[in-house]
Amino acid sequence: MTNASTAMARKTNSKRGIRESNELLILEAAEQVFAESGFKGATTDAIARQAGVPKANLHYYFSTKEILYNRVMEDVCSHWLAAAQSFDKTDDPSTALRGYISAKMEQARKRPYGSRVWAMEVLRGAPAINSYLHTVLKPWYEERTKKLNGWIEAGKMDPVDPQALFFMIWATTQHYADFAHQISVLNEDNNLSDTQYARATEQVCQIILKGVGLKQQS
């Protein structure tokens, strides 16, 4: 590679890095504003202010509020689906489910706005993500359900309905994001500490694993 081509490659990588950094900044701000104000109440002005960028810069990366919203929703879902990597790394249901539950709890803690904006979207009938639910979430869900049924047939866990199990995991873990204020009130008006959150994660794992006939692992 010549000096000129090397310089061009560095410039291209630099531009790509700047673009990715700016997009991430805007997406994080949008996630919070959409979660707090809803799709209709959120404005690109408010999102730009939250991100600390000029409105023109926001529209350079995301030309409309709808495009930005859809990108936020897809990003949230992709992040959630990645939590189930433990299903692909082991054939032990206890290890897989514990890894999934723990990852979902951590996501609820670190990315509560994502959970809230997703809940708001689904509550209004998922008009923006209905196609995504059918083409991405449903196949993902069916593949994991197939694995759960395989473990059940092999006698590795109790014969439970995989759908009910997934719904229970989602409802429990996402509660820590969607109802964080209520949890704070019941915790003497304090957010859960690191120790309390770790204990809550262990308790959720223990209760769910025990409920499907699996031993809790430390």
C-alpha atoms as a PDB file:
ATOM      1  CA  MET A   1       0.000   0.000   0.000  1.00  0.00           C
ATOM      2  CA  THR A   2       1.356   3.421  -0.986  1.00  0.00           C
ATOM      3  CA  ASN A   3       1.638   6.369   1.381  1.00  0.00           C
ATOM      4  CA  ALA A   4      -1.258   8.039  -0.401  1.00  0.00           C
ATOM      5  CA  SER A   5      -3.523   5.002  -0.123  1.00  0.00           C
ATOM      6  CA  THR A   6      -2.536   4.529   3.519  1.00  0.00           C
ATOM      7  CA  ALA A   7      -3.426   8.135   4.275  1.00  0.00           C
ATOM      8  CA  MET A   8      -6.739   7.725   2.430  1.00  0.00           C
ATOM      9  CA  ALA A   9      -7.548   4.568   4.406  1.00  0.00           C
ATOM     10  CA  ARG A  10      -6.799   6.331   7.687  1.00  0.00           C
ATOM     11  CA  LYS A  11      -8.990   9.257   6.682  1.00  0.00           C
ATOM     12  CA  THR A  12     -11.822   6.908   5.738  1.00  0.00           C
ATOM     13  CA  ASN A  13     -11.527   4.993   9.016  1.00  0.00           C
ATOM     14  CA  SER A  14     -11.450   8.276  10.909  1.00  0.00           C
ATOM     15  CA  LYS A  15     -14.625   9.478   9.203  1.00  0.00           C
ATOM     16  CA  ARG A  16     -16.300   6.142   9.841  1.00  0.00           C
ATOM     17  CA  GLY A  17     -15.323   6.321  13.502  1.00  0.00           C
ATOM     18  CA  ILE A  18     -16.682   9.843  13.842  1.00  0.00           C
ATOM     19  CA  ARG A  19     -19.929   8.835  12.156  1.00  0.00           C
ATOM     20  CA  GLU A  20     -20.387   5.794  14.389  1.00  0.00           C
ATOM     21  CA  SER A  21     -19.627   7.855  17.479  1.00  0.00           C
ATOM     22  CA  ASN A  22     -22.119  10.563  16.522  1.00  0.00           C
ATOM     23  CA  GLU A  23     -24.818   8.039  15.639  1.00  0.00           C
ATOM     24  CA  LEU A  24     -24.353   6.284  18.980  1.00  0.00           C
ATOM     25  CA  LEU A  25     -24.600   9.596  20.830  1.00  0.00           C
ATOM     26  CA  ILE A  26     -27.840  10.452  19.046  1.00  0.00           C
ATOM     27  CA  LEU A  27     -29.308   6.962  19.498  1.00  0.00           C
ATOM     28  CA  GLU A  28     -28.645   7.006  23.247  1.00  0.00           C
ATOM     29  CA  ALA A  29     -30.281  10.410  23.570  1.00  0.00           C
ATOM     30  CA  ALA A  30     -33.229   9.358  21.420  1.00  0.00           C
ATOM     31  CA  GLU A  31     -33.760   6.221  23.472  1.00  0.00           C
ATOM     32  CA  GLN A  32     -34.124   8.317  26.626  1.00  0.00           C
ATOM     33  CA  VAL A  33     -36.361  10.989  25.086  1.00  0.00           C
ATOM     34  CA  PHE A  34     -38.654   8.435  23.419  1.00  0.00           C
ATOM     35  CA  ALA A  35     -38.891   6.526  26.707  1.00  0.00           C
ATOM     36  CA  GLU A  36     -39.783   9.661  28.653  1.00  0.00           C
ATOM     37  CA  SER A  37     -42.081  11.362  26.137  1.00  0.00           C
ATOM     38  CA  GLY A  38     -43.347   8.618  23.848  1.00  0.00           C
ATOM     39  CA  PHE A  39     -43.107   8.718  20.074  1.00  0.00           C
ATOM     40  CA  LYS A  40     -45.673  11.488  19.619  1.00  0.00           C
ATOM     41  CA  GLY A  41     -44.356  13.638  22.447  1.00  0.00           C
ATOM     42  CA  ALA A  42     -40.699  13.349  21.500  1.00  0.00           C
ATOM     43  CA  THR A  43     -39.211  15.937  19.150  1.00  0.00           C
ATOM     44  CA  THR A  44     -35.960  16.005  17.236  1.00  0.00           C
ATOM     45  CA  ASP A  45     -35.256  19.328  18.990  1.00  0.00           C
ATOM     46  CA  ALA A  46     -35.402  17.604  22.377  1.00  0.00           C
ATOM     47  CA  ILE A  47     -33.304  14.697  21.159  1.00  0.00           C
ATOM     48  CA  ALA A  48     -30.655  17.013  19.717  1.00  0.00           C
ATOM     49  CA  ARG A  49     -30.500  18.927  23.002  1.00  0.00           C
ATOM     50  CA  GLN A  50     -30.182  15.690  24.969  1.00  0.00           C
ATOM     51  CA  ALA A  51     -27.391  14.529  22.653  1.00  0.00           C
ATOM     52  CA  GLY A  52     -25.669  17.921  22.759  1.00  0.00           C
ATOM     53  CA  VAL A  53     -25.576  18.258  18.977  1.00  0.00           C
ATOM     54  CA  PRO A  54     -27.106  20.780  16.559  1.00  0.00           C
ATOM     55  CA  LYS A  55     -30.460  19.705  15.149  1.00  0.00           C
ATOM     56  CA  ALA A  56     -28.972  19.882  11.654  1.00  0.00           C
ATOM     57  CA  ASN A  57     -26.390  17.265  12.654  1.00  0.00           C
ATOM     58  CA  LEU A  58     -29.120  14.957  13.909  1.00  0.00           C
ATOM     59  CA  HIS A  59     -30.984  15.203  10.620  1.00  0.00           C
ATOM     60  CA  TYR A  60     -27.754  14.585   8.732  1.00  0.00           C
ATOM     61  CA  TYR A  61     -27.621  11.095  10.263  1.00  0.00           C
ATOM     62  CA  PHE A  62     -31.367  10.490  10.648  1.00  0.00           C
ATOM     63  CA  SER A  63     -33.486  12.464   8.221  1.00  0.00           C
ATOM     64  CA  THR A  64     -36.801  11.938  10.046  1.00  0.00           C
ATOM     65  CA  LYS A  65     -38.022  11.173  13.549  1.00  0.00           C
ATOM     66  CA  GLU A  66     -39.603   7.980  12.222  1.00  0.00           C
ATOM     67  CA  ILE A  67     -36.303   6.692  10.846  1.00  0.00           C
ATOM     68  CA  LEU A  68     -34.541   7.494  14.106  1.00  0.00           C
ATOM     69  CA  TYR A  69     -37.279   5.803  16.140  1.00  0.00           C
ATOM     70  CA  ASN A  70     -37.170   2.641  14.047  1.00  0.00           C
ATOM     71  CA  ARG A  71     -33.402   2.502  14.410  1.00  0.00           C
ATOM     72  CA  VAL A  72     -33.712   2.836  18.189  1.00  0.00           C
ATOM     73  CA  MET A  73     -36.258   0.023  18.348  1.00  0.00           C
ATOM     74  CA  GLU A  74     -34.173  -2.320  16.201  1.00  0.00           C
ATOM     75  CA  ASP A  75     -31.083  -1.521  18.244  1.00  0.00           C
ATOM     76  CA  VAL A  76     -32.907  -2.309  21.501  1.00  0.00           C
ATOM     77  CA  CYS A  77     -34.200  -5.614  20.162  1.00  0.00           C
ATOM     78  CA  SER A  78     -30.811  -6.642  18.769  1.00  0.00           C
ATOM     79  CA  HIS A  79     -29.278  -5.919  22.177  1.00  0.00           C
ATOM     80  CA  TRP A  80     -31.901  -8.070  23.875  1.00  0.00           C
ATOM     81  CA  LEU A  81     -31.544 -10.977  21.464  1.00  0.00           C
ATOM     82  CA  ALA A  82     -27.801 -11.003  22.061  1.00  0.00           C
ATOM     83  CA  ALA A  83     -28.516 -11.778  25.725  1.00  0.00           C
ATOM     84  CA  ALA A  84     -29.401 -15.331  24.701  1.00  0.00           C
ATOM     85  CA  GLN A  85     -25.900 -16.190  23.484  1.00  0.00           C
ATOM     86  CA  SER A  86     -25.686 -18.713  26.312  1.00  0.00           C
ATOM     87  CA  PHE A  87     -28.237 -20.840  24.416  1.00  0.00           C
ATOM     88  CA  ASP A  88     -25.713 -21.205  21.600  1.00  0.00           C
ATOM     89  CA  LYS A  89     -22.706 -21.900  23.807  1.00  0.00           C
ATOM     90  CA  THR A  90     -23.942 -24.804  25.905  1.00  0.00           C
ATOM     91  CA  ASP A  91     -26.298 -27.766  25.833  1.00  0.00           C
ATOM     92  CA  ASP A  92     -26.899 -27.539  29.562  1.00  0.00           C
ATOM     93  CA  PRO A  93     -30.286 -25.879  30.263  1.00  0.00           C
ATOM     94  CA  SER A  94     -29.250 -24.638  33.712  1.00  0.00           C
ATOM     95  CA  THR A  95     -26.178 -22.852  32.364  1.00  0.00           C
ATOM     96  CA  ALA A  96     -28.067 -21.478  29.354  1.00  0.00           C
ATOM     97  CA  LEU A  97     -31.048 -20.171  31.292  1.00  0.00           C
ATOM     98  CA  ARG A  98     -28.956 -18.763  34.097  1.00  0.00           C
ATOM     99  CA  GLY A  99     -26.761 -16.936  31.594  1.00  0.00           C
ATOM    100  CA  TYR A 100     -29.797 -15.569  29.782  1.00  0.00           C
ATOM    101  CA  ILE A 101     -31.585 -14.407  32.922  1.00  0.00           C
ATOM    102  CA  SER A 102     -28.426 -12.785  34.298  1.00  0.00           C
ATOM    103  CA  ALA A 103     -27.798 -10.993  30.996  1.00  0.00           C
ATOM    104  CA  LYS A 104     -31.383  -9.739  30.872  1.00  0.00           C
ATOM    105  CA  MET A 105     -31.124  -8.448  34.435  1.00  0.00           C
ATOM    106  CA  GLU A 106     -27.907  -6.624  33.582  1.00  0.00           C
ATOM    107  CA  GLN A 107     -29.516  -5.102  30.507  1.00  0.00           C
ATOM    108  CA  ALA A 108     -32.449  -3.889  32.598  1.00  0.00           C
ATOM    109  CA  ARG A 109     -29.992  -2.250  34.948  1.00  0.00           C
ATOM    110  CA  LYS A 110     -27.712  -0.637  32.377  1.00  0.00           C
ATOM    111  CA  ARG A 111     -30.265   0.189  29.680  1.00  0.00           C
ATOM    112  CA  PRO A 112     -33.609   0.904  31.359  1.00  0.00           C
ATOM    113  CA  TYR A 113     -34.753   3.433  28.750  1.00  0.00           C
ATOM    114  CA  GLY A 114     -34.523   0.782  26.057  1.00  0.00           C
ATOM    115  CA  SER A 115     -36.883  -1.487  27.975  1.00  0.00           C
ATOM    116  CA  ARG A 116     -39.331   1.348  28.612  1.00  0.00           C
ATOM    117  CA  VAL A 117     -39.491   2.589  25.028  1.00  0.00           C
ATOM    118  CA  TRP A 118     -39.992  -0.994  23.837  1.00  0.00           C
ATOM    119  CA  ALA A 119     -42.861  -1.494  26.310  1.00  0.00           C
ATOM    120  CA  MET A 120     -44.509   1.740  25.185  1.00  0.00           C
ATOM    121  CA  GLU A 121     -44.257   0.705  21.538  1.00  0.00           C
ATOM    122  CA  VAL A 122     -45.814  -2.713  22.134  1.00  0.00           C
ATOM    123  CA  LEU A 123     -48.579  -1.217  24.300  1.00  0.00           C
ATOM    124  CA  ARG A 124     -49.664   0.965  21.382  1.00  0.00           C
ATOM    125  CA  GLY A 125     -49.884  -2.079  19.115  1.00  0.00           C
ATOM    126  CA  ALA A 126     -46.322  -2.037  17.784  1.00  0.00           C
ATOM    127  CA  PRO A 127     -47.140  -0.026  14.631  1.00  0.00           C
ATOM    128  CA  ALA A 128     -43.478   0.753  13.938  1.00  0.00           C
ATOM    129  CA  ILE A 129     -41.996  -2.675  14.661  1.00  0.00           C
ATOM    130  CA  ASN A 130     -44.720  -5.147  13.711  1.00  0.00           C
ATOM    131  CA  SER A 131     -42.780  -6.356  10.674  1.00  0.00           C
ATOM    132  CA  TYR A 132     -39.582  -6.599  12.729  1.00  0.00           C
ATOM    133  CA  LEU A 133     -41.372  -8.699  15.355  1.00  0.00           C
ATOM    134  CA  HIS A 134     -42.449 -11.175  12.680  1.00  0.00           C
ATOM    135  CA  THR A 135     -39.223 -11.337  10.693  1.00  0.00           C
ATOM    136  CA  VAL A 136     -36.600 -11.120  13.464  1.00  0.00           C
ATOM    137  CA  LEU A 137     -38.016 -11.731  16.938  1.00  0.00           C
ATOM    138  CA  LYS A 138     -40.341 -14.605  16.011  1.00  0.00           C
ATOM    139  CA  PRO A 139     -37.681 -16.759  14.262  1.00  0.00           C
ATOM    140  CA  TRP A 140     -35.303 -16.108  17.181  1.00  0.00           C
ATOM    141  CA  TYR A 141     -37.985 -17.150  19.635  1.00  0.00           C
ATOM    142  CA  GLU A 142     -38.922 -20.275  17.671  1.00  0.00           C
ATOM    143  CA  GLU A 143     -35.292 -21.430  17.532  1.00  0.00           C
ATOM    144  CA  ARG A 144     -34.835 -21.063  21.303  1.00  0.00           C
ATOM    145  CA  THR A 145     -38.198 -22.708  21.922  1.00  0.00           C
ATOM    146  CA  LYS A 146     -37.055 -25.668  19.846  1.00  0.00           C
ATOM    147  CA  LYS A 147     -33.959 -26.001  22.018  1.00  0.00           C
ATOM    148  CA  LEU A 148     -36.000 -25.849  25.218  1.00  0.00           C
ATOM    149  CA  ASN A 149     -38.323 -28.557  23.905  1.00  0.00           C
ATOM    150  CA  GLY A 150     -35.272 -30.672  23.081  1.00  0.00           C
ATOM    151  CA  TRP A 151     -34.041 -30.384  26.662  1.00  0.00           C
ATOM    152  CA  ILE A 152     -37.510 -31.284  27.939  1.00  0.00           C
ATOM    153  CA  GLU A 153     -37.714 -34.349  25.693  1.00  0.00           C
ATOM    154  CA  ALA A 154     -34.256 -35.417  26.875  1.00  0.00           C
ATOM    155  CA  GLY A 155     -35.402 -35.193  30.482  1.00  0.00           C
ATOM    156  CA  LYS A 156     -32.951 -32.402  31.319  1.00  0.00           C
ATOM    157  CA  MET A 157     -35.680 -30.146  32.714  1.00  0.00           C
ATOM    158  CA  ASP A 158     -39.313 -30.332  33.725  1.00  0.00           C
ATOM    159  CA  PRO A 159     -41.984 -30.358  30.996  1.00  0.00           C
ATOM    160  CA  VAL A 160     -43.000 -26.696  31.040  1.00  0.00           C
ATOM    161  CA  ASP A 161     -44.451 -24.525  28.307  1.00  0.00           C
ATOM    162  CA  PRO A 162     -41.474 -22.675  26.720  1.00  0.00           C
ATOM    163  CA  GLN A 163     -43.735 -19.768  25.839  1.00  0.00           C
ATOM    164  CA  ALA A 164     -44.796 -19.306  29.459  1.00  0.00           C
ATOM    165  CA  LEU A 165     -41.157 -19.589  30.546  1.00  0.00           C
ATOM    166  CA  PHE A 166     -39.980 -16.895  28.142  1.00  0.00           C
ATOM    167  CA  PHE A 167     -42.844 -14.591  29.079  1.00  0.00           C
ATOM    168  CA  MET A 168     -42.011 -15.043  32.755  1.00  0.00           C
ATOM    169  CA  ILE A 169     -38.324 -14.269  32.205  1.00  0.00           C
ATOM    170  CA  TRP A 170     -39.114 -11.169  30.167  1.00  0.00           C
ATOM    171  CA  ALA A 171     -41.728  -9.904  32.615  1.00  0.00           C
ATOM    172  CA  THR A 172     -39.503 -10.417  35.637  1.00  0.00           C
ATOM    173  CA  THR A 173     -36.233  -9.035  34.296  1.00  0.00           C
ATOM    174  CA  GLN A 174     -37.759  -6.075  32.479  1.00  0.00           C
ATOM    175  CA  HIS A 175     -39.718  -5.158  35.604  1.00  0.00           C
ATOM    176  CA  TYR A 176     -36.434  -3.918  37.078  1.00  0.00           C
ATOM    177  CA  ALA A 177     -36.210  -1.371  34.249  1.00  0.00           C
ATOM    178  CA  ASP A 178     -39.848  -0.480  33.616  1.00  0.00           C
ATOM    179  CA  PHE A 179     -40.763  -0.121  37.295  1.00  0.00           C
ATOM    180  CA  ALA A 180     -37.449   1.165  38.638  1.00  0.00           C
ATOM    181  CA  HIS A 181     -39.131   4.073  40.428  1.00  0.00           C
ATOM    182  CA  GLN A 182     -41.545   1.767  42.224  1.00  0.00           C
ATOM    183  CA  ILE A 183     -38.640  -0.450  43.251  1.00  0.00           C
ATOM    184  CA  SER A 184     -36.818   2.617  44.551  1.00  0.00           C
ATOM    185  CA  VAL A 185     -39.818   3.680  46.644  1.00  0.00           C
ATOM    186  CA  LEU A 186     -40.042   0.202  48.183  1.00  0.00           C
ATOM    187  CA  ASN A 187     -36.297   0.317  48.811  1.00  0.00           C
ATOM    188  CA  GLU A 188     -36.482   3.294  51.155  1.00  0.00           C
ATOM    189  CA  ASP A 189     -36.381   5.718  48.200  1.00  0.00           C
ATOM    190  CA  ASN A 190     -32.998   4.412  47.070  1.00  0.00           C
ATOM    191  CA  ASN A 191     -31.930   2.767  43.852  1.00  0.00           C
ATOM    192  CA  LEU A 192     -30.771  -0.796  44.293  1.00  0.00           C
ATOM    193  CA  SER A 193     -27.097  -0.957  45.233  1.00  0.00           C
ATOM    194  CA  ASP A 194     -24.633  -3.196  43.415  1.00  0.00           C
ATOM    195  CA  THR A 195     -24.994  -5.754  46.189  1.00  0.00           C
ATOM    196  CA  GLN A 196     -28.783  -5.612  46.119  1.00  0.00           C
ATOM    197  CA  TYR A 197     -28.905  -5.975  42.354  1.00  0.00           C
ATOM    198  CA  ALA A 198     -26.560  -8.946  42.441  1.00  0.00           C
ATOM    199  CA  ARG A 199     -28.735 -10.529  45.128  1.00  0.00           C
ATOM    200  CA  ALA A 200     -31.885  -9.856  43.101  1.00  0.00           C
ATOM    201  CA  THR A 201     -30.309 -11.491  40.049  1.00  0.00           C
ATOM    202  CA  GLU A 202     -29.419 -14.573  42.087  1.00  0.00           C
ATOM    203  CA  GLN A 203     -32.927 -14.756  43.512  1.00  0.00           C
ATOM    204  CA  VAL A 204     -34.578 -14.480  40.089  1.00  0.00           C
ATOM    205  CA  CYS A 205     -32.292 -17.200  38.731  1.00  0.00           C
ATOM    206  CA  GLN A 206     -32.960 -19.447  41.704  1.00  0.00           C
ATOM    207  CA  ILE A 207     -36.741 -19.099  41.576  1.00  0.00           C
ATOM    208  CA  ILE A 208     -37.050 -19.640  37.823  1.00  0.00           C
ATOM    209  CA  LEU A 209     -34.519 -22.477  37.603  1.00  0.00           C
ATOM    210  CA  LYS A 210     -36.107 -24.263  40.554  1.00  0.00           C
ATOM    211  CA  GLY A 211     -39.499 -23.810  38.930  1.00  0.00           C
ATOM    212  CA  VAL A 212     -38.396 -25.780  35.862  1.00  0.00           C
ATOM    213  CA  GLY A 213     -36.613 -28.491  37.826  1.00  0.00           C
ATOM    214  CA  LEU A 214     -33.056 -27.204  37.519  1.00  0.00           C
ATOM    215  CA  LYS A 215     -30.426 -26.709  40.182  1.00  0.00           C
ATOM    216  CA  GLN A 216     -29.108 -23.244  40.927  1.00  0.00           C
ATOM    217  CA  GLN A 217     -25.418 -22.879  40.117  1.00  0.00           C
ATOM    218  CA  SER A 218     -23.087 -20.485  41.914  1.00  0.00           C
END
